[in-house]
Protein backbone atom coordinates (compact mmCIF):
# COMPACT_ATOMS: atom_id res chain seq x y z
CA MET A 1 96.32 61.42 99.19
CA ASN A 2 93.71 64.16 98.18
CA SER A 3 96.03 67.11 99.02
CA THR A 4 93.37 69.50 96.48
CA ALA A 5 90.15 69.84 95.78
CA PHE A 6 89.73 66.46 93.19
CA HIS A 7 89.39 63.50 95.66
CA SER A 8 88.15 59.73 95.02
CA ALA A 9 84.80 58.94 95.63
CA ASP A 10 82.04 55.78 96.26
CA ILE A 11 81.10 55.58 92.77
CA LEU A 12 78.05 53.57 91.74
CA ILE A 13 77.71 51.85 88.03
CA PRO A 14 74.81 49.71 86.72
CA LYS A 15 75.65 46.31 86.44
CA ASP A 16 73.52 44.02 83.87
CA CYS A 17 72.17 46.78 82.07
CA ASP A 18 71.94 47.96 78.44
CA MET A 19 74.22 50.70 78.98
CA HIS A 20 73.19 52.20 75.43
CA LYS A 21 70.03 53.02 76.99
CA TRP A 22 71.12 53.85 80.27
CA SER A 23 73.58 56.35 79.39
CA VAL A 24 71.74 59.45 78.21
CA ILE A 25 73.32 63.13 77.11
CA ALA A 26 73.49 66.03 79.68
CA CYS A 27 70.26 67.60 80.77
CA ASP A 28 71.01 71.23 79.59
CA GLN A 29 71.72 70.22 76.04
CA TYR A 30 68.66 70.35 72.99
CA THR A 31 66.93 72.55 75.23
CA SER A 32 64.80 74.06 72.26
CA GLU A 33 64.39 70.49 70.49
CA PRO A 34 61.65 68.49 72.06
CA GLU A 35 61.97 65.90 69.32
CA TYR A 36 65.67 64.91 70.51
CA TRP A 37 64.06 63.76 73.77
CA ASP A 38 61.72 62.32 72.64
CA GLU A 39 63.65 59.84 70.69
CA VAL A 40 65.94 59.59 73.49
CA SER A 41 62.81 58.54 75.28
CA ALA A 42 61.76 55.85 72.36
CA THR A 43 64.90 54.56 72.58
CA VAL A 44 65.12 53.82 76.32
CA GLY A 45 61.59 52.21 76.78
CA SER A 46 61.36 50.65 80.05
CA ALA A 47 64.58 50.01 80.28
CA PRO A 48 66.59 51.21 83.10
CA SER A 49 68.30 54.66 82.36
CA THR A 50 69.41 57.73 83.58
CA LEU A 51 66.97 59.27 81.68
CA ASN A 52 64.55 58.51 84.64
CA LEU A 53 66.98 60.26 86.87
CA ILE A 54 67.64 63.50 85.23
CA LEU A 55 65.47 66.68 84.21
CA PRO A 56 66.00 67.69 81.14
CA GLU A 57 66.36 71.40 81.21
CA LEU A 58 63.69 71.77 78.19
CA TYR A 59 61.14 70.85 81.07
CA LEU A 60 62.04 73.26 83.54
CA GLU A 61 59.37 75.49 82.57
CA GLN A 62 56.66 73.83 81.47
CA ASP A 63 53.47 72.52 83.76
CA GLY A 64 54.47 69.27 85.67
CA VAL A 65 57.56 70.14 86.64
CA ALA A 66 56.72 68.81 90.47
CA GLU A 67 55.27 65.58 89.33
CA ARG A 68 58.78 65.34 87.16
CA ILE A 69 60.87 65.50 90.05
CA ASP A 70 58.82 63.37 92.44
CA ASN A 71 59.11 60.74 89.47
CA ILE A 72 62.92 61.19 89.51
CA HIS A 73 62.91 60.56 93.19
CA SER A 74 60.84 57.47 92.83
CA ALA A 75 62.64 56.17 90.13
CA MET A 76 66.31 56.62 92.26
CA ASP A 77 64.40 54.73 95.33
CA LYS A 78 63.43 51.90 93.11
CA TYR A 79 67.03 51.72 91.22
CA LEU A 80 68.84 51.87 94.66
CA ALA A 81 66.00 49.05 96.41
CA ASP A 82 66.41 47.04 93.29
CA GLY A 83 70.26 46.55 93.42
CA ILE A 84 70.78 47.63 89.89
CA PHE A 85 74.40 48.90 91.13
CA THR A 86 77.23 48.01 91.99
CA GLU A 87 79.49 50.44 94.17
CA TYR A 88 83.22 50.96 94.10
CA LYS A 89 84.41 52.36 97.40
CA ASP A 90 87.40 55.19 97.36
CA ALA A 91 87.04 55.24 93.23
CA MET A 92 88.01 56.87 90.42
CA VAL A 93 87.40 56.19 86.82
CA TYR A 94 89.67 56.84 83.59
CA VAL A 95 87.49 57.63 80.75
CA GLU A 96 88.31 57.36 76.99
CA ARG A 97 85.45 59.14 75.08
CA VAL A 98 85.91 58.82 71.50
CA GLN A 99 83.47 61.67 70.17
CA SER A 100 81.44 61.81 66.81
CA ASN A 101 84.17 63.10 65.23
CA GLY A 102 86.48 60.16 66.26
CA ILE A 103 88.69 61.99 67.95
CA LEU A 104 89.46 60.67 71.88
CA ARG A 105 89.06 62.77 75.21
CA GLN A 106 90.30 61.25 77.96
CA GLY A 107 89.10 62.26 81.34
CA ILE A 108 89.33 61.21 85.02
CA VAL A 109 85.60 60.52 87.11
CA GLY A 110 85.96 61.64 90.95
CA ALA A 111 84.71 64.01 93.58
CA ILE A 112 84.78 67.63 94.13
CA ASP A 113 85.11 69.16 97.57
CA LEU A 114 82.65 71.90 97.58
CA GLU A 115 84.57 73.74 100.38
CA LYS A 116 87.27 74.75 97.62
CA TYR A 117 84.95 76.11 95.23
CA ASN A 118 83.17 79.38 95.35
CA PHE A 119 81.33 80.36 92.34
CA SER A 120 81.24 84.22 93.03
CA LYS A 121 82.66 86.70 90.40
CA GLY A 122 86.18 87.04 91.61
CA SER A 123 86.07 84.70 93.48
CA THR A 124 89.81 83.68 94.58
CA SER A 125 89.15 79.89 95.40
CA GLU A 126 91.01 76.64 94.01
CA VAL A 127 87.85 75.62 91.88
CA ARG A 128 86.00 78.30 89.93
CA ALA A 129 83.26 79.19 87.81
CA THR A 130 84.35 80.23 83.74
CA GLU A 131 81.41 82.35 83.52
CA ALA A 132 78.90 84.41 85.21
CA THR A 133 76.33 81.97 87.54
CA VAL A 134 72.73 83.23 87.36
CA ILE A 135 71.18 82.62 90.69
CA GLU A 136 68.03 82.31 89.39
CA ARG A 137 68.55 79.10 87.93
CA ILE A 138 69.99 77.58 90.97
CA PRO A 139 66.58 77.38 93.09
CA PRO A 140 64.52 74.75 90.29
CA ARG A 141 67.71 72.60 90.33
CA ILE A 142 68.21 72.54 94.07
CA LYS A 143 64.81 71.00 94.09
CA VAL A 144 65.59 67.96 91.92
CA ARG A 145 68.50 67.47 94.59
CA GLN A 146 66.64 68.12 97.42
CA GLY A 147 65.13 64.21 98.56
CA ALA A 148 67.10 62.91 96.17
CA PRO A 149 69.32 60.16 97.44
CA LEU A 150 72.02 59.82 94.11
CA GLU A 151 73.69 62.29 92.03
CA LEU A 152 74.89 61.68 88.65
CA PRO A 153 77.47 64.20 86.74
CA HIS A 154 77.56 65.83 83.71
CA ILE A 155 80.04 68.41 85.21
CA MET A 156 83.41 68.87 83.25
CA ILE A 157 86.06 70.60 85.07
CA LEU A 158 89.35 71.65 83.27
CA ILE A 159 93.19 71.43 84.54
CA ASP A 160 95.94 73.49 82.34
CA ASP A 161 98.41 70.62 82.17
CA PRO A 162 100.25 71.57 79.08
CA ASP A 163 102.93 68.65 79.69
CA ASN A 164 100.20 66.16 80.16
CA THR A 165 101.25 65.46 83.40
CA VAL A 166 97.91 63.98 85.07
CA ILE A 167 95.57 62.16 83.11
CA GLU A 168 97.33 60.91 79.69
CA PRO A 169 99.58 58.50 81.20
CA LEU A 170 96.71 56.74 82.90
CA ALA A 171 96.39 55.33 79.10
CA LYS A 172 99.66 52.79 79.85
CA THR A 173 98.26 51.61 83.21
CA VAL A 174 94.93 50.04 82.47
CA SER A 175 93.47 46.59 81.43
CA ASP A 176 90.82 44.53 80.39
CA ASP A 177 90.64 43.23 84.23
CA SER A 178 89.65 46.60 85.21
CA LYS A 179 87.39 47.67 82.53
CA LEU A 180 84.24 48.90 83.80
CA TYR A 181 82.01 49.49 80.50
CA ASP A 182 82.86 49.99 76.90
CA PHE A 183 79.78 50.83 74.87
CA GLU A 184 78.39 52.92 72.10
CA LEU A 185 76.56 56.12 73.12
CA MET A 186 73.07 56.75 71.16
CA GLN A 187 72.28 59.55 69.60
CA LYS A 188 75.61 60.05 67.54
CA GLY A 189 77.24 60.63 71.06
CA GLY A 190 80.51 58.24 69.57
CA SER A 191 81.37 55.53 71.87
CA ILE A 192 83.21 55.74 75.75
CA LYS A 193 84.82 53.10 77.82
CA GLY A 194 86.05 53.40 81.45
CA TRP A 195 88.22 51.82 83.94
CA LEU A 196 88.66 51.20 87.64
CA MET A 197 91.68 53.41 88.89
CA ASP A 198 93.96 51.30 91.46
CA LYS A 199 95.78 53.02 94.14
CA SER A 200 99.12 53.79 92.71
CA ALA A 201 97.05 55.56 89.47
CA GLN A 202 95.14 57.25 91.94
CA GLU A 203 98.53 58.37 93.92
CA ALA A 204 99.92 59.06 91.08
CA VAL A 205 97.32 61.54 89.95
CA ASP A 206 97.34 63.43 93.26
CA LYS A 207 101.24 64.00 93.31
CA ALA A 208 100.57 65.33 89.30
CA LEU A 209 97.78 67.50 90.57
CA CYS A 210 99.73 69.11 93.87
CA ALA A 211 102.60 69.84 91.93
CA LEU A 212 100.33 71.74 89.26
CA ALA A 213 99.17 73.33 92.18
CA ASP A 214 102.31 74.50 93.42
CA PRO A 215 101.96 78.28 94.26
CA ASP A 216 105.38 79.08 92.93
CA THR A 217 104.89 77.23 89.38
CA PHE A 218 101.56 78.31 89.05
CA CYS A 219 102.55 81.93 89.62
CA LYS A 220 105.53 81.85 86.98
CA LYS A 221 103.20 79.64 84.37
CA TYR A 222 101.26 82.70 84.23
CA GLY A 223 103.66 85.50 85.11
CA LEU A 224 101.70 86.45 88.52
CA SER A 225 103.35 87.09 92.06
CA ASP A 226 101.55 86.18 95.23
CA THR A 227 98.06 85.00 93.39
CA PRO A 228 95.71 82.40 94.93
CA VAL A 229 95.81 79.07 92.76
CA LEU A 230 93.25 78.23 90.06
CA LEU A 231 93.63 74.66 89.70
CA TYR A 232 90.26 73.38 88.33
CA ALA A 233 88.17 75.83 86.05
CA MET A 234 84.67 74.88 85.27
CA GLY A 235 83.87 73.28 81.91
CA ASP A 236 80.56 72.36 81.38
CA GLY A 237 78.01 71.85 83.84
CA ASN A 238 78.72 75.33 85.85
CA HIS A 239 75.11 75.62 87.39
CA SER A 240 75.12 72.19 88.18
CA LEU A 241 78.30 72.71 90.27
CA ALA A 242 76.29 75.64 91.78
CA THR A 243 73.77 73.92 92.55
CA ALA A 244 75.62 71.17 94.39
CA LYS A 245 77.25 73.97 96.25
CA GLU A 246 74.43 75.88 97.53
CA PHE A 247 72.32 72.75 98.61
CA TYR A 248 75.65 71.84 100.63
CA GLU A 249 75.85 74.97 102.09
CA GLN A 250 71.91 75.25 102.72
CA LEU A 251 72.49 71.80 104.78
CA LYS A 252 75.11 73.52 107.04
CA LYS A 253 73.29 76.50 107.80
CA ALA A 254 70.27 74.15 109.00
CA ASP A 255 71.98 72.56 111.09
CA PRO A 256 74.91 74.32 112.27
CA GLY A 257 75.89 71.93 115.24
CA LYS A 258 76.41 69.12 112.93
CA ASP A 259 79.78 68.51 111.75
CA PHE A 260 79.56 68.34 107.84
CA SER A 261 83.38 67.37 107.17
CA ASN A 262 82.41 63.75 106.18
CA HIS A 263 78.88 64.35 105.03
CA PRO A 264 78.20 63.30 101.51
CA ALA A 265 76.61 66.14 100.17
CA ARG A 266 80.15 67.82 100.58
CA TYR A 267 81.44 66.50 97.81
CA ALA A 268 79.70 66.77 93.76
CA LEU A 269 81.06 64.08 90.84
CA ALA A 270 82.67 65.56 87.89
CA GLU A 271 84.92 64.75 85.38
CA ILE A 272 88.65 66.25 85.02
CA VAL A 273 89.79 66.41 81.36
CA ASN A 274 93.17 68.46 80.16
CA LEU A 275 92.19 71.80 78.52
CA HIS A 276 94.78 70.73 76.12
CA SER A 277 93.15 67.94 74.69
CA ASP A 278 92.76 67.97 71.24
CA ALA A 279 88.95 67.08 71.70
CA LEU A 280 88.56 70.11 73.43
CA LYS A 281 87.82 72.72 70.59
CA PHE A 282 86.35 76.19 72.29
CA GLU A 283 83.47 77.20 70.03
CA ALA A 284 80.89 80.33 70.41
CA ILE A 285 77.20 79.77 72.32
CA HIS A 286 74.98 81.92 69.85
CA ARG A 287 71.62 83.87 71.05
CA LEU A 288 68.63 83.05 69.82
CA VAL A 289 66.09 85.54 70.55
CA TYR A 290 62.40 85.11 69.74
CA ASP A 291 58.68 86.43 70.60
CA VAL A 292 59.46 89.90 70.34
CA ASP A 293 59.19 92.71 67.75
CA CYS A 294 62.78 92.05 65.78
CA ASP A 295 62.93 95.53 64.11
CA LYS A 296 62.16 97.14 67.42
CA LEU A 297 64.86 94.83 69.07
CA MET A 298 67.44 95.53 66.14
CA ASN A 299 67.45 99.36 66.23
CA GLU A 300 67.69 99.57 69.87
CA LEU A 301 70.44 97.22 69.18
CA THR A 302 72.16 99.45 66.43
CA ALA A 303 71.84 102.63 68.85
CA ALA A 304 72.87 101.00 71.84
CA LEU A 305 76.13 99.14 70.25
CA GLU A 306 76.39 101.73 67.29
CA LEU A 307 76.52 98.70 65.08
CA SER A 308 78.01 99.08 61.58
CA GLU A 309 79.03 96.86 58.53
CA THR A 310 82.28 99.00 58.31
CA LYS A 311 85.05 97.08 60.74
CA GLU A 312 85.94 99.41 62.71
CA SER A 313 86.17 97.61 65.76
CA ASP A 314 87.59 94.28 66.72
CA GLN A 315 84.27 92.96 68.36
CA TYR A 316 81.34 91.80 66.08
CA VAL A 317 78.18 89.89 66.07
CA ILE A 318 76.50 88.51 62.86
CA CYS A 319 72.64 89.03 62.61
CA SER A 320 70.75 86.23 60.98
CA CYS A 321 66.59 86.91 60.36
CA CYS A 322 64.43 86.04 57.83
CA GLY A 323 67.20 84.30 55.32
CA THR A 324 69.57 87.63 55.50
CA GLU A 325 72.69 87.77 57.44
CA LYS A 326 74.90 90.71 58.30
CA LYS A 327 77.95 91.21 59.90
CA LEU A 328 78.02 94.11 62.36
CA TYR A 329 81.12 95.89 64.28
CA ILE A 330 80.49 96.86 67.57
CA ASN A 331 82.10 99.93 68.31
CA ARG A 332 80.38 100.78 71.77
CA LYS A 333 81.45 98.12 73.86
CA SER A 334 80.30 96.99 77.37
CA SER A 335 82.65 94.18 77.71
CA ASN A 336 85.87 93.15 77.07
CA LEU A 337 84.15 90.38 74.66
CA SER A 338 81.40 90.53 71.80
CA VAL A 339 79.39 87.99 73.85
CA GLY A 340 79.64 90.09 76.65
CA SER A 341 78.62 93.40 74.76
CA LEU A 342 75.60 91.40 73.26
CA GLN A 343 74.63 90.08 76.37
CA ASN A 344 74.23 93.09 78.46
CA PHE A 345 72.08 94.68 75.98
CA LEU A 346 69.89 91.60 75.37
CA ASP A 347 69.76 91.04 79.05
CA GLY A 348 68.09 94.94 79.77
CA TYR A 349 65.99 94.67 76.68
CA ILE A 350 64.18 91.25 77.34
CA LYS A 351 63.63 92.76 80.86
CA ALA A 352 62.11 95.78 79.72
CA ASN A 353 59.91 94.46 76.63
CA GLY A 354 59.84 90.45 77.07
CA GLY A 355 60.91 87.93 74.71
CA LYS A 356 62.76 84.79 75.26
CA ILE A 357 66.57 83.96 74.95
CA ASP A 358 68.03 80.50 74.20
CA TYR A 359 71.96 79.79 73.97
CA ILE A 360 72.54 77.54 71.11
CA HIS A 361 75.37 75.42 69.76
CA GLY A 362 76.01 75.44 66.26
CA ALA A 363 75.78 78.43 63.45
CA ASP A 364 73.42 76.25 61.57
CA THR A 365 71.48 75.28 64.30
CA VAL A 366 70.82 78.59 65.92
CA LYS A 367 69.84 80.10 62.26
CA SER A 368 67.12 77.20 61.41
CA LEU A 369 65.58 77.49 64.68
CA ALA A 370 65.72 81.34 64.38
CA GLU A 371 63.23 80.65 61.00
CA LYS A 372 61.54 78.05 62.74
CA HIS A 373 60.33 80.96 65.72
CA SER A 374 60.27 84.05 63.45
CA GLY A 375 63.05 84.97 65.49
CA LEU A 376 66.71 86.63 65.33
CA ALA A 377 70.07 84.45 65.56
CA PHE A 378 73.15 86.01 67.02
CA ILE A 379 75.98 84.17 65.73
CA LEU A 380 79.17 85.02 67.77
CA PRO A 381 82.99 84.42 67.31
CA ASP A 382 85.14 81.35 68.96
CA MET A 383 87.07 82.20 72.08
CA ASP A 384 90.52 80.71 71.71
CA LYS A 385 90.78 78.42 74.60
CA SER A 386 94.57 79.14 75.89
CA GLN A 387 92.96 82.28 77.29
CA LEU A 388 90.16 80.63 79.73
CA PHE A 389 92.63 80.55 82.43
CA PRO A 390 94.86 83.59 82.51
CA THR A 391 90.86 85.63 81.77
CA VAL A 392 89.62 83.87 85.27
CA ILE A 393 92.52 84.79 86.87
CA LYS A 394 92.96 87.96 86.23
CA ASP A 395 89.21 89.07 85.21
CA GLY A 396 86.94 86.84 87.09
CA ALA A 397 84.28 84.87 85.40
CA LEU A 398 83.44 85.28 81.52
CA PRO A 399 79.88 86.12 80.68
CA ARG A 400 77.29 83.70 81.03
CA LYS A 401 77.08 80.91 77.69
CA THR A 402 80.35 82.34 76.56
CA PHE A 403 82.12 79.24 74.96
CA SER A 404 80.84 75.66 74.68
CA MET A 405 83.35 72.75 74.25
CA GLY A 406 82.04 71.14 71.08
CA HIS A 407 78.97 70.14 69.51
CA ALA A 408 75.82 68.99 71.51
CA GLU A 409 76.25 65.55 71.19
CA ASP A 410 79.66 65.35 72.30
CA LYS A 411 78.75 66.85 75.83
CA ARG A 412 79.09 64.54 78.44
CA PHE A 413 77.01 61.23 78.88
CA TYR A 414 75.79 60.06 82.32
CA ILE A 415 77.00 57.19 83.56
CA GLU A 416 78.25 57.06 87.05
CA ALA A 417 76.57 57.95 90.19
CA ARG A 418 76.78 58.55 93.77
CA LYS A 419 75.06 58.63 97.19
CA ILE A 420 74.70 61.79 98.51
CA THR A 421 72.54 61.11 101.35
CA GLU A 422 74.13 59.75 104.88
């Protein structure tokens, strides 16, 4: 058992709670829409909720963050002291999520071994980042993890399993006796069910994962030779897993003589999902730029990337400003992807001139936010998901915020938790 990086875990699930109020969307969603989080707060009220255990990234750069983090830790301590959880030892949870569009997404919740994960570009670890990790984004998140007795995951990790050998067979093994939850998610999030997997199901999953991780099978699949196996590629929650990894490494450095091989912080709770699921639609993450001189930015962008309305390149970006929309082709590329060429310019421009950049799901949303903030919307082309594993294997991590798997309301909701202190 447990020959790959994905393990069973001691999983906490609340009992006697209103699960509709307990479960909220991933903290990195709706970062430019405070009204969304206001509605969540109104829905939750004073009920036990994961809303009290997370820090929505909307608030990361606002005043009062330290107090919010203290409140999170206090709420975790209180929920543990009040005994609201049932702990399932050495467990995995099979999950069926019906998204807002009615499509079923299947997954397994368990723990990822952080010793087998490296988020550095060029990593050859079994678990890898799929996009560039922004180191500056990790310290604020570590502050949430420091002193926290619990973790809650919005991490989704992908496996490339075209023959449906790992997750999909579980649908035939579950029964009402093993069902842990079944409820409607808030804010157009669809619905979700979860079942406790028995030992035989766990063993079958481990066996199937080991088969995917066979070096010869792996190299044949991608037309490679003598190449380290990439079995788990980050889908969502890249910086959350990086934070867990960095926190674990800091613990080891602080106490070099201690044996951390069985420390709970060595692992991070996550859900694995098959890349080939019909529910996973790769969509571009668009750019919203505001608090800038829009004319100056566009003039410099046009010159730097040699933008043209005439199609002379396979890279392009659609720019929307003040109700006007133009498709502009990128003739001076600095990346293999449109998003990379644009991002490289924006990073330098914002650093030199100031301004703000946000990463938005949905073309209509980013355009409306550009009008709201008197800014610029950059709409990017989608990426073909079949290129994810080959690209990460051969070229390393993609530019940050390259793609999103579906709409914001279909992102992972918090349900399960796990203790991360001894």
